[in-house]
């Protein structure tokens, strides 16, 4: 059975390096960030 639609799952170990790579290298744009509580990681 062929896979028609796939959803990539990205593992992030270092948030700052990942955002830097996605924004600077791949030209992604950060539109919003979700925090579960104030002062917690995104």
Protein backbone atom coordinates (compact mmCIF):
# COMPACT_ATOMS: atom_id res chain seq x y z
CA UNK A 1 0.00 0.00 0.00
CA UNK A 2 1.63 3.31 -1.04
CA UNK A 3 1.67 6.25 1.35
CA UNK A 4 -0.24 9.16 -0.17
CA UNK A 5 0.24 11.82 2.52
CA UNK A 6 3.02 11.89 5.08
CA UNK A 7 3.45 14.10 8.10
CA UNK A 8 7.05 14.84 9.03
CA UNK A 9 7.94 14.61 12.70
CA UNK A 10 10.84 16.84 13.68
CA UNK A 11 12.87 16.22 16.83
CA UNK A 12 14.27 19.37 18.36
CA UNK A 13 17.13 19.15 20.84
CA UNK A 14 18.21 22.81 20.87
CA UNK A 15 15.41 25.31 20.31
CA UNK A 16 17.62 28.31 19.46
CA UNK A 17 19.75 26.41 16.93
CA UNK A 18 16.66 24.90 15.34
CA UNK A 19 14.90 28.25 14.93
CA UNK A 20 18.10 29.81 13.58
CA UNK A 21 18.44 27.02 11.00
CA UNK A 22 14.79 27.09 9.93
CA UNK A 23 14.57 30.89 9.65
CA UNK A 24 18.02 31.71 8.26
CA UNK A 25 18.76 28.67 6.11
CA UNK A 26 15.35 27.48 4.97
CA UNK A 27 13.65 30.92 4.96
CA UNK A 28 10.82 29.82 7.27
CA UNK A 29 8.87 32.45 9.20
CA UNK A 30 7.90 32.24 12.88
CA UNK A 31 4.23 33.25 12.92
CA UNK A 32 3.30 32.31 16.48
CA UNK A 33 4.55 30.33 19.46
CA UNK A 34 2.54 28.44 22.06
CA UNK A 35 3.55 28.34 25.71
CA UNK A 36 1.61 26.17 28.14
CA UNK A 37 2.41 28.48 31.03
CA UNK A 38 4.24 31.77 31.41
CA UNK A 39 8.04 31.39 31.43
CA UNK A 40 7.99 27.85 29.97
CA UNK A 41 9.66 26.71 26.74
CA UNK A 42 7.71 26.94 23.52
